[in-house]
Amino acid sequence: MKILLCSDLSNRIPKIPKEIIDSCDFVLLAGDITMGARSLKRTISVFEKLRDLFPDPLPVYLLPGNHDIPLIAQTPEFFPKNFVQMHNKSLTFRINGFEKEILIIGFGGSTPILGFPTNEPGPNYLTFESDKIYNSLKALATEKESFF
């Protein structure tokens, strides 16, 4: 199994050889994809470019970072159909030759950062209090009984 992991794109679309993308089983986009894009138009433009880079049917699992607008922690209409939002979700799969399942637990964002705007008021950055992150991760892991 081949997995391509990209993070901290910050509104920039990486140059990745097509043969690498074509050989991947799936892509993980791990945070700071839009870099706090304040306009919906700019956010949509980034996702249109990502759709072109990672075309359907290649599965793309996306975990927003603290610099992403909270909207992408949902599943907005402009998401390409092969993109799966992973915030507060989990993904389990098996790889031939591995005895155990592989579990990916996603929770995007960060704790509030001094000097940066938080989700209240005017959601420009994705932040959560530590207890919210802990409780969500624990709940996701507990759903998968074999995790603990």
N, C-alpha and C. Protein backbone atom coordinates (compact mmCIF):
# COMPACT_ATOMS: atom_id res chain seq x y z
N MET A 1 0.84 -1.17 0.00
CA MET A 1 0.00 0.00 0.00
C MET A 1 0.90 1.24 0.00
N LYS A 2 0.51 2.22 -0.81
CA LYS A 2 1.26 3.47 -0.88
C LYS A 2 0.34 4.62 -0.46
N ILE A 3 0.83 5.40 0.50
CA ILE A 3 0.08 6.54 1.02
C ILE A 3 0.93 7.79 0.82
N LEU A 4 0.32 8.82 0.25
CA LEU A 4 0.99 10.10 0.09
C LEU A 4 0.49 11.03 1.18
N LEU A 5 1.40 11.57 1.99
CA LEU A 5 1.05 12.49 3.07
C LEU A 5 1.58 13.87 2.74
N CYS A 6 0.68 14.85 2.72
CA CYS A 6 1.07 16.25 2.49
C CYS A 6 0.53 17.08 3.65
N SER A 7 1.32 18.04 4.11
CA SER A 7 0.83 18.92 5.17
C SER A 7 1.32 20.34 4.93
N ASP A 8 0.66 21.27 5.61
CA ASP A 8 1.06 22.68 5.59
C ASP A 8 1.19 23.24 4.18
N LEU A 9 0.17 23.00 3.36
CA LEU A 9 0.20 23.51 2.00
C LEU A 9 0.06 25.04 1.96
N SER A 10 -0.67 25.61 2.90
CA SER A 10 -0.80 27.06 3.04
C SER A 10 -1.17 27.76 1.73
N ASN A 11 -2.23 27.28 1.11
CA ASN A 11 -2.75 27.83 -0.16
C ASN A 11 -1.86 27.54 -1.36
N ARG A 12 -0.78 26.81 -1.17
CA ARG A 12 0.12 26.48 -2.29
C ARG A 12 -0.14 25.03 -2.71
N ILE A 13 -0.15 24.81 -3.99
CA ILE A 13 -0.38 23.47 -4.52
C ILE A 13 0.98 22.87 -4.86
N PRO A 14 1.33 21.75 -4.24
CA PRO A 14 2.66 21.17 -4.48
C PRO A 14 2.78 20.58 -5.89
N LYS A 15 4.01 20.55 -6.38
CA LYS A 15 4.28 19.88 -7.65
C LYS A 15 4.70 18.46 -7.31
N ILE A 16 3.85 17.53 -7.67
CA ILE A 16 4.10 16.12 -7.39
C ILE A 16 4.02 15.38 -8.72
N PRO A 17 5.04 14.59 -9.05
CA PRO A 17 5.00 13.86 -10.32
C PRO A 17 3.74 12.98 -10.41
N LYS A 18 3.12 13.02 -11.57
CA LYS A 18 1.88 12.27 -11.82
C LYS A 18 2.05 10.78 -11.52
N GLU A 19 3.21 10.22 -11.85
CA GLU A 19 3.41 8.79 -11.62
C GLU A 19 3.39 8.45 -10.13
N ILE A 20 3.78 9.37 -9.28
CA ILE A 20 3.70 9.14 -7.83
C ILE A 20 2.23 9.15 -7.40
N ILE A 21 1.49 10.16 -7.85
CA ILE A 21 0.07 10.25 -7.50
C ILE A 21 -0.68 9.03 -8.02
N ASP A 22 -0.41 8.64 -9.25
CA ASP A 22 -1.10 7.49 -9.84
C ASP A 22 -0.80 6.19 -9.11
N SER A 23 0.35 6.10 -8.45
CA SER A 23 0.72 4.86 -7.77
C SER A 23 0.18 4.78 -6.34
N CYS A 24 -0.39 5.88 -5.84
CA CYS A 24 -0.86 5.92 -4.45
C CYS A 24 -2.22 5.25 -4.31
N ASP A 25 -2.41 4.62 -3.15
CA ASP A 25 -3.71 4.06 -2.79
C ASP A 25 -4.62 5.13 -2.21
N PHE A 26 -4.04 6.07 -1.48
CA PHE A 26 -4.80 7.23 -1.01
C PHE A 26 -3.84 8.33 -0.58
N VAL A 27 -4.42 9.52 -0.38
CA VAL A 27 -3.66 10.71 0.03
C VAL A 27 -4.20 11.18 1.38
N LEU A 28 -3.29 11.59 2.26
CA LEU A 28 -3.65 12.24 3.51
C LEU A 28 -3.19 13.70 3.42
N LEU A 29 -4.12 14.63 3.56
CA LEU A 29 -3.79 16.06 3.64
C LEU A 29 -3.91 16.44 5.11
N ALA A 30 -2.78 16.78 5.73
CA ALA A 30 -2.76 16.96 7.18
C ALA A 30 -2.54 18.41 7.57
N GLY A 31 -3.57 19.19 7.50
CA GLY A 31 -3.60 20.50 8.12
C GLY A 31 -2.97 21.67 7.41
N ASP A 32 -3.47 22.83 7.78
CA ASP A 32 -3.04 24.12 7.24
C ASP A 32 -3.04 24.12 5.71
N ILE A 33 -4.15 23.71 5.18
CA ILE A 33 -4.32 23.62 3.73
C ILE A 33 -4.60 25.00 3.15
N THR A 34 -5.44 25.79 3.83
CA THR A 34 -5.87 27.08 3.29
C THR A 34 -5.21 28.27 3.97
N MET A 35 -4.47 28.08 5.01
CA MET A 35 -3.75 29.15 5.71
C MET A 35 -4.66 30.32 6.10
N GLY A 36 -5.78 29.99 6.71
CA GLY A 36 -6.68 31.03 7.21
C GLY A 36 -7.31 31.86 6.11
N ALA A 37 -7.50 31.26 4.95
CA ALA A 37 -8.10 32.00 3.83
C ALA A 37 -9.38 32.68 4.31
N ARG A 38 -9.39 33.99 4.22
CA ARG A 38 -10.51 34.75 4.74
C ARG A 38 -11.66 34.84 3.75
N SER A 39 -11.41 34.44 2.52
CA SER A 39 -12.50 34.52 1.55
C SER A 39 -12.88 33.12 1.09
N LEU A 40 -14.17 32.91 0.99
CA LEU A 40 -14.67 31.62 0.52
C LEU A 40 -14.19 31.36 -0.90
N LYS A 41 -14.13 32.41 -1.71
CA LYS A 41 -13.67 32.28 -3.10
C LYS A 41 -12.25 31.71 -3.16
N ARG A 42 -11.37 32.20 -2.31
CA ARG A 42 -9.99 31.71 -2.30
C ARG A 42 -9.93 30.25 -1.81
N THR A 43 -10.72 29.93 -0.79
CA THR A 43 -10.76 28.55 -0.29
C THR A 43 -11.25 27.60 -1.37
N ILE A 44 -12.31 27.98 -2.07
CA ILE A 44 -12.83 27.15 -3.16
C ILE A 44 -11.78 26.97 -4.24
N SER A 45 -11.05 28.03 -4.57
CA SER A 45 -10.00 27.96 -5.59
C SER A 45 -8.92 26.95 -5.20
N VAL A 46 -8.53 26.94 -3.92
CA VAL A 46 -7.52 25.98 -3.45
C VAL A 46 -8.04 24.55 -3.65
N PHE A 47 -9.29 24.31 -3.30
CA PHE A 47 -9.83 22.96 -3.43
C PHE A 47 -10.04 22.55 -4.89
N GLU A 48 -10.33 23.49 -5.76
CA GLU A 48 -10.41 23.17 -7.19
C GLU A 48 -9.06 22.72 -7.72
N LYS A 49 -8.00 23.40 -7.27
CA LYS A 49 -6.64 23.02 -7.69
C LYS A 49 -6.24 21.67 -7.11
N LEU A 50 -6.62 21.42 -5.86
CA LEU A 50 -6.33 20.12 -5.24
C LEU A 50 -7.10 19.00 -5.94
N ARG A 51 -8.34 19.28 -6.36
CA ARG A 51 -9.14 18.30 -7.11
C ARG A 51 -8.42 17.93 -8.41
N ASP A 52 -7.83 18.93 -9.06
CA ASP A 52 -7.10 18.66 -10.31
C ASP A 52 -5.83 17.85 -10.04
N LEU A 53 -5.17 18.12 -8.92
CA LEU A 53 -3.95 17.39 -8.57
C LEU A 53 -4.25 15.96 -8.16
N PHE A 54 -5.33 15.78 -7.38
CA PHE A 54 -5.72 14.46 -6.87
C PHE A 54 -7.10 14.10 -7.41
N PRO A 55 -7.18 13.68 -8.66
CA PRO A 55 -8.50 13.45 -9.28
C PRO A 55 -9.20 12.20 -8.75
N ASP A 56 -10.53 12.24 -8.86
CA ASP A 56 -11.36 11.09 -8.56
C ASP A 56 -10.95 9.97 -9.52
N PRO A 57 -10.82 8.74 -9.08
CA PRO A 57 -11.32 8.12 -7.86
C PRO A 57 -10.31 8.01 -6.72
N LEU A 58 -9.15 8.68 -6.80
CA LEU A 58 -8.15 8.60 -5.74
C LEU A 58 -8.73 9.16 -4.44
N PRO A 59 -8.82 8.34 -3.37
CA PRO A 59 -9.36 8.86 -2.11
C PRO A 59 -8.38 9.84 -1.46
N VAL A 60 -8.92 10.96 -1.00
CA VAL A 60 -8.13 11.98 -0.32
C VAL A 60 -8.78 12.22 1.04
N TYR A 61 -8.03 11.91 2.11
CA TYR A 61 -8.51 12.11 3.48
C TYR A 61 -7.88 13.39 4.00
N LEU A 62 -8.72 14.30 4.46
CA LEU A 62 -8.29 15.64 4.79
C LEU A 62 -8.52 15.93 6.27
N LEU A 63 -7.49 16.41 6.93
CA LEU A 63 -7.59 16.81 8.33
C LEU A 63 -7.21 18.28 8.43
N PRO A 64 -8.16 19.16 8.78
CA PRO A 64 -7.84 20.59 8.83
C PRO A 64 -6.88 20.91 9.97
N GLY A 65 -6.11 21.96 9.78
CA GLY A 65 -5.19 22.43 10.81
C GLY A 65 -5.71 23.71 11.45
N ASN A 66 -4.95 24.23 12.40
CA ASN A 66 -5.39 25.42 13.11
C ASN A 66 -5.46 26.66 12.21
N HIS A 67 -4.73 26.69 11.11
CA HIS A 67 -4.78 27.84 10.21
C HIS A 67 -5.86 27.71 9.15
N ASP A 68 -6.58 26.61 9.15
CA ASP A 68 -7.69 26.44 8.20
C ASP A 68 -8.96 27.05 8.77
N ILE A 69 -9.80 27.54 7.87
CA ILE A 69 -11.07 28.08 8.33
C ILE A 69 -11.94 26.92 8.83
N PRO A 70 -12.71 27.14 9.88
CA PRO A 70 -13.54 26.06 10.44
C PRO A 70 -14.49 25.41 9.44
N LEU A 71 -14.86 26.10 8.39
CA LEU A 71 -15.76 25.55 7.39
C LEU A 71 -15.26 24.21 6.83
N ILE A 72 -13.94 24.07 6.66
CA ILE A 72 -13.46 22.82 6.07
C ILE A 72 -13.40 21.68 7.08
N ALA A 73 -13.73 21.94 8.34
CA ALA A 73 -13.87 20.85 9.31
C ALA A 73 -15.25 20.22 9.19
N GLN A 74 -16.06 20.78 8.30
CA GLN A 74 -17.34 20.19 7.97
C GLN A 74 -17.15 19.53 6.60
N THR A 75 -18.17 19.35 5.85
CA THR A 75 -18.01 18.85 4.48
C THR A 75 -18.75 19.82 3.56
N PRO A 76 -18.09 20.91 3.21
CA PRO A 76 -18.77 21.91 2.38
C PRO A 76 -19.08 21.38 0.98
N GLU A 77 -20.05 22.00 0.34
CA GLU A 77 -20.49 21.58 -0.99
C GLU A 77 -19.37 21.61 -2.02
N PHE A 78 -18.39 22.48 -1.84
CA PHE A 78 -17.32 22.61 -2.84
C PHE A 78 -16.24 21.53 -2.71
N PHE A 79 -16.33 20.67 -1.70
CA PHE A 79 -15.35 19.59 -1.59
C PHE A 79 -15.46 18.67 -2.80
N PRO A 80 -14.34 18.30 -3.40
CA PRO A 80 -14.41 17.29 -4.46
C PRO A 80 -15.00 15.99 -3.90
N LYS A 81 -15.69 15.24 -4.74
CA LYS A 81 -16.40 14.06 -4.24
C LYS A 81 -15.48 12.96 -3.70
N ASN A 82 -14.20 12.97 -4.10
CA ASN A 82 -13.26 11.96 -3.60
C ASN A 82 -12.54 12.41 -2.33
N PHE A 83 -12.87 13.61 -1.81
CA PHE A 83 -12.26 14.11 -0.58
C PHE A 83 -13.15 13.75 0.60
N VAL A 84 -12.52 13.23 1.66
CA VAL A 84 -13.25 12.84 2.86
C VAL A 84 -12.68 13.65 4.02
N GLN A 85 -13.54 14.41 4.66
CA GLN A 85 -13.15 15.23 5.79
C GLN A 85 -12.97 14.32 7.01
N MET A 86 -11.82 14.40 7.67
CA MET A 86 -11.50 13.47 8.77
C MET A 86 -11.55 14.11 10.15
N HIS A 87 -11.97 15.36 10.26
CA HIS A 87 -12.02 16.00 11.58
C HIS A 87 -13.03 15.28 12.45
N ASN A 88 -12.57 14.84 13.61
CA ASN A 88 -13.40 14.15 14.59
C ASN A 88 -13.98 12.84 14.03
N LYS A 89 -13.17 12.18 13.21
CA LYS A 89 -13.56 10.90 12.61
C LYS A 89 -12.37 9.95 12.67
N SER A 90 -12.63 8.70 12.34
CA SER A 90 -11.54 7.72 12.28
C SER A 90 -11.66 6.89 11.01
N LEU A 91 -10.54 6.31 10.64
CA LEU A 91 -10.45 5.47 9.45
C LEU A 91 -9.68 4.22 9.84
N THR A 92 -10.23 3.07 9.55
CA THR A 92 -9.56 1.80 9.85
C THR A 92 -9.39 1.03 8.56
N PHE A 93 -8.21 0.46 8.37
CA PHE A 93 -7.99 -0.36 7.18
C PHE A 93 -6.94 -1.42 7.48
N ARG A 94 -6.85 -2.40 6.62
CA ARG A 94 -5.88 -3.48 6.76
C ARG A 94 -4.91 -3.45 5.60
N ILE A 95 -3.69 -3.84 5.90
CA ILE A 95 -2.66 -3.96 4.87
C ILE A 95 -2.17 -5.41 4.91
N ASN A 96 -2.10 -6.01 3.75
CA ASN A 96 -1.59 -7.39 3.69
C ASN A 96 -0.22 -7.48 4.36
N GLY A 97 -0.05 -8.47 5.18
CA GLY A 97 1.21 -8.68 5.86
C GLY A 97 1.25 -8.09 7.27
N PHE A 98 0.31 -7.22 7.61
CA PHE A 98 0.24 -6.66 8.95
C PHE A 98 -0.80 -7.44 9.74
N GLU A 99 -0.43 -7.79 10.96
CA GLU A 99 -1.33 -8.57 11.80
C GLU A 99 -2.52 -7.75 12.29
N LYS A 100 -2.29 -6.49 12.60
CA LYS A 100 -3.34 -5.65 13.17
C LYS A 100 -3.88 -4.66 12.14
N GLU A 101 -5.10 -4.18 12.41
CA GLU A 101 -5.68 -3.12 11.61
C GLU A 101 -4.89 -1.83 11.84
N ILE A 102 -4.92 -0.96 10.86
CA ILE A 102 -4.33 0.36 11.01
C ILE A 102 -5.47 1.33 11.25
N LEU A 103 -5.33 2.12 12.30
CA LEU A 103 -6.37 3.08 12.69
C LEU A 103 -5.78 4.48 12.61
N ILE A 104 -6.45 5.36 11.89
CA ILE A 104 -6.08 6.77 11.85
C ILE A 104 -7.22 7.52 12.51
N ILE A 105 -6.89 8.29 13.54
CA ILE A 105 -7.89 9.11 14.23
C ILE A 105 -7.59 10.56 13.89
N GLY A 106 -8.60 11.28 13.43
CA GLY A 106 -8.40 12.66 13.03
C GLY A 106 -9.10 13.65 13.94
N PHE A 107 -8.35 14.65 14.36
CA PHE A 107 -8.94 15.80 15.05
C PHE A 107 -8.09 17.00 14.67
N GLY A 108 -8.66 17.88 13.87
CA GLY A 108 -7.90 19.01 13.34
C GLY A 108 -7.88 20.20 14.26
N GLY A 109 -7.05 21.17 13.90
CA GLY A 109 -6.96 22.41 14.66
C GLY A 109 -5.89 22.35 15.72
N SER A 110 -6.01 23.24 16.68
CA SER A 110 -5.06 23.29 17.78
C SER A 110 -5.74 23.91 18.99
N THR A 111 -5.00 23.98 20.08
CA THR A 111 -5.49 24.75 21.22
C THR A 111 -5.34 26.23 20.86
N PRO A 112 -6.08 27.11 21.54
CA PRO A 112 -5.96 28.54 21.22
C PRO A 112 -4.51 29.02 21.35
N ILE A 113 -4.13 29.87 20.42
CA ILE A 113 -2.76 30.39 20.37
C ILE A 113 -2.80 31.86 20.75
N LEU A 114 -2.00 32.25 21.71
CA LEU A 114 -1.96 33.63 22.17
C LEU A 114 -1.66 34.57 21.00
N GLY A 115 -2.50 35.56 20.82
CA GLY A 115 -2.28 36.54 19.76
C GLY A 115 -2.96 36.22 18.45
N PHE A 116 -3.51 35.02 18.32
CA PHE A 116 -4.23 34.64 17.10
C PHE A 116 -5.72 34.66 17.39
N PRO A 117 -6.52 35.05 16.40
CA PRO A 117 -7.96 35.01 16.61
C PRO A 117 -8.43 33.56 16.79
N THR A 118 -9.45 33.38 17.60
CA THR A 118 -10.02 32.05 17.79
C THR A 118 -11.33 31.96 17.03
N ASN A 119 -12.03 30.86 17.19
CA ASN A 119 -13.31 30.66 16.50
C ASN A 119 -14.38 31.64 16.96
N GLU A 120 -14.19 32.31 18.07
CA GLU A 120 -15.18 33.24 18.61
C GLU A 120 -14.57 34.61 18.74
N PRO A 121 -15.10 35.64 18.21
CA PRO A 121 -16.07 35.72 17.12
C PRO A 121 -15.35 35.70 15.78
N GLY A 122 -16.06 35.49 14.73
CA GLY A 122 -15.49 35.52 13.39
C GLY A 122 -14.52 34.39 13.15
N PRO A 123 -15.02 33.24 12.72
CA PRO A 123 -14.17 32.04 12.62
C PRO A 123 -13.15 32.13 11.49
N ASN A 124 -11.90 32.44 11.86
CA ASN A 124 -10.82 32.47 10.88
C ASN A 124 -9.80 31.37 11.12
N TYR A 125 -9.76 30.83 12.33
CA TYR A 125 -8.81 29.79 12.66
C TYR A 125 -9.54 28.69 13.41
N LEU A 126 -9.06 27.47 13.28
CA LEU A 126 -9.71 26.31 13.89
C LEU A 126 -9.01 25.98 15.20
N THR A 127 -9.62 26.35 16.31
CA THR A 127 -9.02 26.09 17.62
C THR A 127 -10.04 25.46 18.55
N PHE A 128 -9.53 24.69 19.51
CA PHE A 128 -10.37 24.01 20.49
C PHE A 128 -9.65 24.01 21.83
N GLU A 129 -10.41 24.02 22.90
CA GLU A 129 -9.82 23.90 24.23
C GLU A 129 -9.27 22.48 24.39
N SER A 130 -8.24 22.35 25.23
CA SER A 130 -7.57 21.06 25.42
C SER A 130 -8.52 19.94 25.82
N ASP A 131 -9.48 20.25 26.71
CA ASP A 131 -10.43 19.22 27.15
C ASP A 131 -11.28 18.70 26.00
N LYS A 132 -11.67 19.57 25.08
CA LYS A 132 -12.47 19.16 23.92
C LYS A 132 -11.65 18.20 23.04
N ILE A 133 -10.40 18.54 22.82
CA ILE A 133 -9.53 17.67 21.99
C ILE A 133 -9.37 16.31 22.67
N TYR A 134 -9.04 16.32 23.95
CA TYR A 134 -8.83 15.08 24.70
C TYR A 134 -10.08 14.20 24.67
N ASN A 135 -11.23 14.79 25.00
CA ASN A 135 -12.48 14.02 25.06
C ASN A 135 -12.88 13.47 23.69
N SER A 136 -12.68 14.24 22.64
CA SER A 136 -13.02 13.76 21.30
C SER A 136 -12.11 12.62 20.87
N LEU A 137 -10.81 12.75 21.12
CA LEU A 137 -9.88 11.68 20.76
C LEU A 137 -10.17 10.41 21.56
N LYS A 138 -10.43 10.57 22.83
CA LYS A 138 -10.75 9.41 23.68
C LYS A 138 -12.01 8.71 23.17
N ALA A 139 -13.04 9.48 22.82
CA ALA A 139 -14.28 8.90 22.31
C ALA A 139 -14.04 8.16 20.99
N LEU A 140 -13.27 8.76 20.10
CA LEU A 140 -12.98 8.10 18.82
C LEU A 140 -12.20 6.82 19.03
N ALA A 141 -11.22 6.85 19.92
CA ALA A 141 -10.41 5.66 20.19
C ALA A 141 -11.23 4.58 20.87
N THR A 142 -12.12 4.96 21.76
CA THR A 142 -12.94 4.00 22.48
C THR A 142 -13.93 3.31 21.56
N GLU A 143 -14.41 4.03 20.53
CA GLU A 143 -15.30 3.41 19.54
C GLU A 143 -14.63 2.20 18.89
N LYS A 144 -13.33 2.30 18.71
CA LYS A 144 -12.54 1.21 18.13
C LYS A 144 -11.97 0.40 19.30
N GLU A 145 -12.74 -0.55 19.80
CA GLU A 145 -12.45 -1.24 21.04
C GLU A 145 -11.02 -1.76 21.15
N SER A 146 -10.41 -2.09 20.05
CA SER A 146 -9.08 -2.66 20.11
C SER A 146 -8.00 -1.61 20.33
N PHE A 147 -8.37 -0.33 20.36
CA PHE A 147 -7.35 0.71 20.48
C PHE A 147 -6.66 0.70 21.82
N PHE A 148 -7.43 0.52 22.90
CA PHE A 148 -6.82 0.53 24.24
C PHE A 148 -6.58 -0.86 24.73
